[in-house]
PDB file of N, CA and C in Angstrom:
ATOM      1  N   MET A   1      94.080  62.067-187.003  1.00  0.00           N
ATOM      2  CA  MET A   1      95.041  63.140-187.648  1.00  0.00           C
ATOM      3  C   MET A   1      94.196  64.127-188.626  1.00  0.00           C
ATOM      4  N   LYS A   2      94.347  65.360-188.464  1.00  0.00           N
ATOM      5  CA  LYS A   2      93.698  66.763-188.871  1.00  0.00           C
ATOM      6  C   LYS A   2      94.394  67.018-190.116  1.00  0.00           C
ATOM      7  N   ARG A   3      94.234  67.056-191.213  1.00  0.00           N
ATOM      8  CA  ARG A   3      94.472  67.741-192.493  1.00  0.00           C
ATOM      9  C   ARG A   3      93.668  68.508-193.250  1.00  0.00           C
ATOM     10  N   SER A   4      94.306  69.478-193.596  1.00  0.00           N
ATOM     11  CA  SER A   4      93.824  70.696-194.426  1.00  0.00           C
ATOM     12  C   SER A   4      92.122  70.688-194.562  1.00  0.00           C
ATOM     13  N   ALA A   5      91.310  71.077-193.576  1.00  0.00           N
ATOM     14  CA  ALA A   5      90.002  71.351-193.708  1.00  0.00           C
ATOM     15  C   ALA A   5      89.272  69.636-193.619  1.00  0.00           C
ATOM     16  N   ASN A   6      89.665  68.875-192.735  1.00  0.00           N
ATOM     17  CA  ASN A   6      88.890  67.794-191.996  1.00  0.00           C
ATOM     18  C   ASN A   6      88.779  66.913-193.299  1.00  0.00           C
ATOM     19  N   LYS A   7      89.804  66.919-194.164  1.00  0.00           N
ATOM     20  CA  LYS A   7      89.627  66.217-195.389  1.00  0.00           C
ATOM     21  C   LYS A   7      89.630  64.232-195.302  1.00  0.00           C
ATOM     22  N   TYR A   8      90.463  64.205-194.462  1.00  0.00           N
ATOM     23  CA  TYR A   8      90.627  62.585-194.134  1.00  0.00           C
ATOM     24  C   TYR A   8      91.391  62.648-192.852  1.00  0.00           C
ATOM     25  N   TRP A   9      90.908  61.506-192.244  1.00  0.00           N
ATOM     26  CA  TRP A   9      90.416  61.234-190.732  1.00  0.00           C
ATOM     27  C   TRP A   9      91.439  59.600-190.662  1.00  0.00           C
ATOM     28  N   TYR A  10      92.576  59.432-189.989  1.00  0.00           N
ATOM     29  CA  TYR A  10      92.799  58.136-190.066  1.00  0.00           C
ATOM     30  C   TYR A  10      93.603  58.081-189.286  1.00  0.00           C
ATOM     31  N   TYR A  11      93.802  56.470-188.394  1.00  0.00           N
ATOM     32  CA  TYR A  11      94.695  55.970-186.842  1.00  0.00           C
ATOM     33  C   TYR A  11      96.232  55.787-187.830  1.00  0.00           C
ATOM     34  N   ARG A  12      97.123  56.065-186.639  1.00  0.00           N
ATOM     35  CA  ARG A  12      98.175  55.576-187.100  1.00  0.00           C
ATOM     36  C   ARG A  12      99.172  55.766-185.755  1.00  0.00           C
ATOM     37  N   TYR A  13      99.881  54.926-185.551  1.00  0.00           N
ATOM     38  CA  TYR A  13     100.825  54.806-184.364  1.00  0.00           C
ATOM     39  C   TYR A  13     102.128  55.546-184.784  1.00  0.00           C
ATOM     40  N   CYS A  14     102.411  56.321-183.645  1.00  0.00           N
ATOM     41  CA  CYS A  14     103.314  57.090-183.850  1.00  0.00           C
ATOM     42  C   CYS A  14     104.367  56.827-182.863  1.00  0.00           C
ATOM     43  N   TRP A  15     105.960  56.990-182.788  1.00  0.00           N
ATOM     44  CA  TRP A  15     106.884  57.012-181.903  1.00  0.00           C
ATOM     45  C   TRP A  15     108.292  57.691-182.271  1.00  0.00           C
ATOM     46  N   MET A  16     108.701  58.118-181.092  1.00  0.00           N
ATOM     47  CA  MET A  16     109.928  58.884-181.321  1.00  0.00           C
ATOM     48  C   MET A  16     111.096  58.100-181.153  1.00  0.00           C
ATOM     49  N   ILE A  17     112.370  58.301-181.916  1.00  0.00           N
ATOM     50  CA  ILE A  17     113.773  57.497-181.617  1.00  0.00           C
ATOM     51  C   ILE A  17     114.534  58.990-181.788  1.00  0.00           C
ATOM     52  N   GLY A  18     114.896  59.442-180.644  1.00  0.00           N
ATOM     53  CA  GLY A  18     115.845  60.721-180.618  1.00  0.00           C
ATOM     54  C   GLY A  18     114.972  61.790-181.062  1.00  0.00           C
ATOM     55  N   ARG A  19     115.318  62.624-182.246  1.00  0.00           N
ATOM     56  CA  ARG A  19     114.147  63.605-182.432  1.00  0.00           C
ATOM     57  C   ARG A  19     113.076  63.106-183.818  1.00  0.00           C
ATOM     58  N   LYS A  20     113.710  61.910-184.062  1.00  0.00           N
ATOM     59  CA  LYS A  20     113.064  61.785-185.174  1.00  0.00           C
ATOM     60  C   LYS A  20     111.213  60.845-184.968  1.00  0.00           C
ATOM     61  N   ILE A  21     110.482  61.372-185.417  1.00  0.00           N
ATOM     62  CA  ILE A  21     109.451  60.441-185.491  1.00  0.00           C
ATOM     63  C   ILE A  21     108.930  59.653-186.426  1.00  0.00           C
ATOM     64  N   HIS A  22     108.738  58.215-186.221  1.00  0.00           N
ATOM     65  CA  HIS A  22     108.110  57.472-186.601  1.00  0.00           C
ATOM     66  C   HIS A  22     107.123  57.117-186.727  1.00  0.00           C
ATOM     67  N   ARG A  23     106.126  56.905-187.902  1.00  0.00           N
ATOM     68  CA  ARG A  23     104.708  56.388-187.792  1.00  0.00           C
ATOM     69  C   ARG A  23     104.434  55.190-188.627  1.00  0.00           C
ATOM     70  N   ILE A  24     103.328  54.543-188.294  1.00  0.00           N
ATOM     71  CA  ILE A  24     102.922  53.576-188.860  1.00  0.00           C
ATOM     72  C   ILE A  24     101.234  53.818-189.429  1.00  0.00           C
ATOM     73  N   TYR A  25     100.842  53.810-190.507  1.00  0.00           N
ATOM     74  CA  TYR A  25      99.492  54.030-190.975  1.00  0.00           C
ATOM     75  C   TYR A  25      98.542  52.726-190.263  1.00  0.00           C
ATOM     76  N   LEU A  26      97.598  53.154-189.395  1.00  0.00           N
ATOM     77  CA  LEU A  26      96.304  51.732-189.141  1.00  0.00           C
ATOM     78  C   LEU A  26      95.361  51.844-190.064  1.00  0.00           C
ATOM     79  N   GLY A  27      94.870  53.078-190.768  1.00  0.00           N
ATOM     80  CA  GLY A  27      93.404  52.714-191.274  1.00  0.00           C
ATOM     81  C   GLY A  27      92.836  53.914-191.088  1.00  0.00           C
ATOM     82  N   SER A  28      91.929  54.188-192.073  1.00  0.00           N
ATOM     83  CA  SER A  28      90.611  55.173-191.733  1.00  0.00           C
ATOM     84  C   SER A  28      89.948  54.911-190.780  1.00  0.00           C
ATOM     85  N   VAL A  29      89.176  55.884-190.137  1.00  0.00           N
ATOM     86  CA  VAL A  29      88.371  55.850-188.714  1.00  0.00           C
ATOM     87  C   VAL A  29      87.407  55.211-188.892  1.00  0.00           C
ATOM     88  N   ASP A  30      86.721  55.215-190.419  1.00  0.00           N
ATOM     89  CA  ASP A  30      85.393  54.322-190.763  1.00  0.00           C
ATOM     90  C   ASP A  30      85.661  52.987-191.132  1.00  0.00           C
ATOM     91  N   SER A  31      86.755  52.310-190.726  1.00  0.00           N
ATOM     92  CA  SER A  31      87.235  50.951-191.025  1.00  0.00           C
ATOM     93  C   SER A  31      87.027  50.389-189.774  1.00  0.00           C
ATOM     94  N   ILE A  32      86.194  49.063-189.772  1.00  0.00           N
ATOM     95  CA  ILE A  32      86.398  48.205-188.825  1.00  0.00           C
ATOM     96  C   ILE A  32      87.606  47.973-188.261  1.00  0.00           C
ATOM     97  N   LYS A  33      88.798  47.037-189.303  1.00  0.00           N
ATOM     98  CA  LYS A  33      89.628  46.746-188.964  1.00  0.00           C
ATOM     99  C   LYS A  33      90.777  47.765-188.408  1.00  0.00           C
ATOM    100  N   ALA A  34      90.326  48.850-188.825  1.00  0.00           N
ATOM    101  CA  ALA A  34      91.546  50.213-188.265  1.00  0.00           C
ATOM    102  C   ALA A  34      91.138  50.249-186.982  1.00  0.00           C
ATOM    103  N   LYS A  35      89.726  50.240-186.626  1.00  0.00           N
ATOM    104  CA  LYS A  35      89.482  50.548-185.503  1.00  0.00           C
ATOM    105  C   LYS A  35      89.890  49.236-184.426  1.00  0.00           C
ATOM    106  N   LYS A  36      89.996  48.062-184.867  1.00  0.00           N
ATOM    107  CA  LYS A  36      90.537  46.598-183.944  1.00  0.00           C
ATOM    108  C   LYS A  36      91.800  46.902-183.861  1.00  0.00           C
ATOM    109  N   LEU A  37      92.479  47.126-184.775  1.00  0.00           N
ATOM    110  CA  LEU A  37      94.019  47.357-184.525  1.00  0.00           C
ATOM    111  C   LEU A  37      94.180  48.603-183.869  1.00  0.00           C
ATOM    112  N   LYS A  38      93.631  49.532-183.765  1.00  0.00           N
ATOM    113  CA  LYS A  38      93.975  50.819-182.721  1.00  0.00           C
ATOM    114  C   LYS A  38      93.817  50.431-181.449  1.00  0.00           C
ATOM    115  N   GLN A  39      92.366  49.815-180.956  1.00  0.00           N
ATOM    116  CA  GLN A  39      92.323  48.869-179.911  1.00  0.00           C
ATOM    117  C   GLN A  39      93.552  48.072-179.247  1.00  0.00           C
ATOM    118  N   ALA A  40      93.748  47.216-180.302  1.00  0.00           N
ATOM    119  CA  ALA A  40      95.114  46.479-180.056  1.00  0.00           C
ATOM    120  C   ALA A  40      96.070  46.876-179.417  1.00  0.00           C
ATOM    121  N   VAL A  41      96.482  47.943-180.459  1.00  0.00           N
ATOM    122  CA  VAL A  41      97.638  49.192-180.021  1.00  0.00           C
ATOM    123  C   VAL A  41      97.385  49.388-178.798  1.00  0.00           C
ATOM    124  N   GLU A  42      96.633  49.953-178.730  1.00  0.00           N
ATOM    125  CA  GLU A  42      96.282  50.712-177.203  1.00  0.00           C
ATOM    126  C   GLU A  42      96.338  49.925-175.701  1.00  0.00           C
ATOM    127  N   ILE A  43      95.748  48.493-176.282  1.00  0.00           N
ATOM    128  CA  ILE A  43      96.062  47.597-175.150  1.00  0.00           C
ATOM    129  C   ILE A  43      97.650  47.047-174.752  1.00  0.00           C
ATOM    130  N   ALA A  44      98.351  47.118-176.231  1.00  0.00           N
ATOM    131  CA  ALA A  44      99.762  46.894-176.223  1.00  0.00           C
ATOM    132  C   ALA A  44     100.482  47.717-175.638  1.00  0.00           C
ATOM    133  N   ILE A  45     100.038  49.032-175.390  1.00  0.00           N
ATOM    134  CA  ILE A  45     100.875  50.063-174.733  1.00  0.00           C
ATOM    135  C   ILE A  45     100.823  49.991-173.514  1.00  0.00           C
ATOM    136  N   ALA A  46      99.240  49.399-172.822  1.00  0.00           N
ATOM    137  CA  ALA A  46      98.980  49.342-171.317  1.00  0.00           C
ATOM    138  C   ALA A  46      99.696  48.673-171.002  1.00  0.00           C
ATOM    139  N   ASN A  47      99.953  47.611-171.912  1.00  0.00           N
ATOM    140  CA  ASN A  47     101.128  46.317-171.263  1.00  0.00           C
ATOM    141  C   ASN A  47     102.453  46.604-171.216  1.00  0.00           C
ATOM    142  N   ASP A  48     102.822  47.446-171.651  1.00  0.00           N
ATOM    143  CA  ASP A  48     104.448  48.194-171.521  1.00  0.00           C
ATOM    144  C   ASP A  48     105.321  47.292-172.473  1.00  0.00           C
ATOM    145  N   ARG A  49     104.081  47.198-173.821  1.00  0.00           N
ATOM    146  CA  ARG A  49     104.995  46.501-174.884  1.00  0.00           C
ATOM    147  C   ARG A  49     106.075  47.977-175.288  1.00  0.00           C
ATOM    148  N   LEU A  50     107.390  47.871-175.714  1.00  0.00           N
ATOM    149  CA  LEU A  50     108.238  48.262-176.367  1.00  0.00           C
ATOM    150  C   LEU A  50     107.538  48.969-177.986  1.00  0.00           C
ATOM    151  N   PRO A  51     108.159  49.936-178.398  1.00  0.00           N
ATOM    152  CA  PRO A  51     107.686  50.616-179.471  1.00  0.00           C
ATOM    153  C   PRO A  51     108.075  49.634-180.622  1.00  0.00           C
ATOM    154  N   ILE A  52     109.510  48.889-180.664  1.00  0.00           N
ATOM    155  CA  ILE A  52     109.837  47.667-181.861  1.00  0.00           C
ATOM    156  C   ILE A  52     109.268  47.026-181.941  1.00  0.00           C
ATOM    157  N   GLU A  53     108.521  46.465-180.516  1.00  0.00           N
ATOM    158  CA  GLU A  53     107.708  45.052-180.397  1.00  0.00           C
ATOM    159  C   GLU A  53     106.209  45.661-180.794  1.00  0.00           C
ATOM    160  N   LEU A  54     105.551  46.943-181.057  1.00  0.00           N
ATOM    161  CA  LEU A  54     104.474  47.216-181.637  1.00  0.00           C
ATOM    162  C   LEU A  54     104.712  47.567-183.070  1.00  0.00           C
ATOM    163  N   LYS A  55     105.759  47.884-183.288  1.00  0.00           N
ATOM    164  CA  LYS A  55     106.129  47.504-185.044  1.00  0.00           C
ATOM    165  C   LYS A  55     106.013  46.586-185.558  1.00  0.00           C
ATOM    166  N   HIS A  56     106.734  45.955-184.803  1.00  0.00           N
ATOM    167  CA  HIS A  56     106.700  44.105-185.697  1.00  0.00           C
ATOM    168  C   HIS A  56     104.934  43.747-185.772  1.00  0.00           C
ATOM    169  N   LEU A  57     104.562  44.007-184.526  1.00  0.00           N
ATOM    170  CA  LEU A  57     103.221  43.682-184.231  1.00  0.00           C
ATOM    171  C   LEU A  57     102.294  43.862-185.493  1.00  0.00           C
ATOM    172  N   ILE A  58     102.070  45.782-185.260  1.00  0.00           N
ATOM    173  CA  ILE A  58     101.499  45.919-186.820  1.00  0.00           C
ATOM    174  C   ILE A  58     101.667  45.523-188.068  1.00  0.00           C
ATOM    175  N   ARG A  59     102.900  45.703-188.066  1.00  0.00           N
ATOM    176  CA  ARG A  59     103.056  45.191-189.468  1.00  0.00           C
ATOM    177  C   ARG A  59     103.128  43.602-189.882  1.00  0.00           C
ATOM    178  N   GLY A  60     103.008  42.592-188.851  1.00  0.00           N
ATOM    179  CA  GLY A  60     102.525  41.249-188.688  1.00  0.00           C
ATOM    180  C   GLY A  60     101.064  41.364-189.623  1.00  0.00           C
ATOM    181  N   TRP A  61     100.266  41.918-188.560  1.00  0.00           N
ATOM    182  CA  TRP A  61      99.372  42.030-188.993  1.00  0.00           C
ATOM    183  C   TRP A  61      98.696  42.679-190.662  1.00  0.00           C
ATOM    184  N   LYS A  62      99.623  43.871-190.667  1.00  0.00           N
ATOM    185  CA  LYS A  62      99.205  44.303-192.330  1.00  0.00           C
ATOM    186  C   LYS A  62      99.600  43.185-193.336  1.00  0.00           C
ATOM    187  N   ASN A  63     100.420  42.126-192.709  1.00  0.00           N
ATOM    188  CA  ASN A  63     100.978  41.267-193.996  1.00  0.00           C
ATOM    189  C   ASN A  63      99.922  39.925-193.986  1.00  0.00           C
ATOM    190  N   GLU A  64      99.264  39.714-193.219  1.00  0.00           N
ATOM    191  CA  GLU A  64      98.035  38.926-193.164  1.00  0.00           C
ATOM    192  C   GLU A  64      96.690  39.200-193.830  1.00  0.00           C
ATOM    193  N   LYS A  65      96.678  38.105-194.601  1.00  0.00           N
ATOM    194  CA  LYS A  65      95.431  38.610-195.552  1.00  0.00           C
ATOM    195  C   LYS A  65      94.068  38.380-194.462  1.00  0.00           C
ATOM    196  N   THR A  66      93.694  37.452-193.672  1.00  0.00           N
ATOM    197  CA  THR A  66      93.030  37.649-192.695  1.00  0.00           C
ATOM    198  C   THR A  66      93.422  37.852-191.405  1.00  0.00           C
ATOM    199  N   SER A  67      92.970  38.185-190.341  1.00  0.00           N
ATOM    200  CA  SER A  67      93.736  38.985-189.037  1.00  0.00           C
ATOM    201  C   SER A  67      93.263  37.709-187.800  1.00  0.00           C
ATOM    202  N   PRO A  68      93.825  36.892-187.786  1.00  0.00           N
ATOM    203  CA  PRO A  68      93.289  35.967-186.499  1.00  0.00           C
ATOM    204  C   PRO A  68      94.163  36.120-185.281  1.00  0.00           C
ATOM    205  N   THR A  69      95.207  36.783-185.475  1.00  0.00           N
ATOM    206  CA  THR A  69      95.939  37.703-184.109  1.00  0.00           C
ATOM    207  C   THR A  69      95.384  38.880-183.582  1.00  0.00           C
ATOM    208  N   ILE A  70      94.713  39.495-184.156  1.00  0.00           N
ATOM    209  CA  ILE A  70      93.729  40.796-184.002  1.00  0.00           C
ATOM    210  C   ILE A  70      92.725  40.295-183.079  1.00  0.00           C
ATOM    211  N   PRO A  71      92.677  40.925-181.570  1.00  0.00           N
ATOM    212  CA  PRO A  71      92.002  40.621-180.370  1.00  0.00           C
ATOM    213  C   PRO A  71      90.458  41.059-180.866  1.00  0.00           C
ATOM    214  N   LYS A  72      89.316  40.256-180.693  1.00  0.00           N
ATOM    215  CA  LYS A  72      88.095  40.346-181.348  1.00  0.00           C
ATOM    216  C   LYS A  72      87.426  41.635-180.434  1.00  0.00           C
ATOM    217  N   MET A  73      86.863  42.753-180.772  1.00  0.00           N
ATOM    218  CA  MET A  73      85.725  43.426-180.544  1.00  0.00           C
ATOM    219  C   MET A  73      84.567  43.369-180.043  1.00  0.00           C
ATOM    220  N   PRO A  74      83.869  43.411-179.101  1.00  0.00           N
ATOM    221  CA  PRO A  74      82.503  42.828-178.704  1.00  0.00           C
ATOM    222  C   PRO A  74      82.042  43.828-179.602  1.00  0.00           C
ATOM    223  N   GLY A  75      80.699  43.268-180.353  1.00  0.00           N
ATOM    224  CA  GLY A  75      79.870  43.885-180.967  1.00  0.00           C
ATOM    225  C   GLY A  75      78.936  44.674-180.741  1.00  0.00           C
ATOM    226  N   SER A  76      78.464  45.879-180.946  1.00  0.00           N
ATOM    227  CA  SER A  76      78.003  46.957-180.331  1.00  0.00           C
ATOM    228  C   SER A  76      76.506  46.641-180.390  1.00  0.00           C
ATOM    229  N   ASN A  77      76.010  45.664-181.358  1.00  0.00           N
ATOM    230  CA  ASN A  77      74.502  45.255-181.303  1.00  0.00           C
ATOM    231  C   ASN A  77      74.329  44.156-180.466  1.00  0.00           C
ATOM    232  N   THR A  78      73.739  44.074-179.499  1.00  0.00           N
ATOM    233  CA  THR A  78      73.669  42.941-178.406  1.00  0.00           C
ATOM    234  C   THR A  78      72.343  42.367-178.407  1.00  0.00           C
ATOM    235  N   ASN A  79      71.505  43.109-179.103  1.00  0.00           N
ATOM    236  CA  ASN A  79      69.991  42.682-179.204  1.00  0.00           C
ATOM    237  C   ASN A  79      70.131  41.647-180.032  1.00  0.00           C
ATOM    238  N   PHE A  80      69.182  40.408-179.181  1.00  0.00           N
ATOM    239  CA  PHE A  80      68.795  39.271-180.141  1.00  0.00           C
ATOM    240  C   PHE A  80      67.259  38.856-179.859  1.00  0.00           C
TER     241      PHE A  80
END
């Protein structure tokens, strides 16, 4: 998302019902949790999940203090 002179960058999930655009904020592009949420939403979209299912899924993640249902992302540092 781009707003006035690149001040804020964030991920959000958007869908339309009729002519109304609905949005759910996922988080800042700098946040690891937001990157995991974004990846999980992209996977769910690829698996043909309905927008209402994705909405409930995201809201469920947001209500959890720890996010055990968010898929794990492989670490970028694999040097041992």
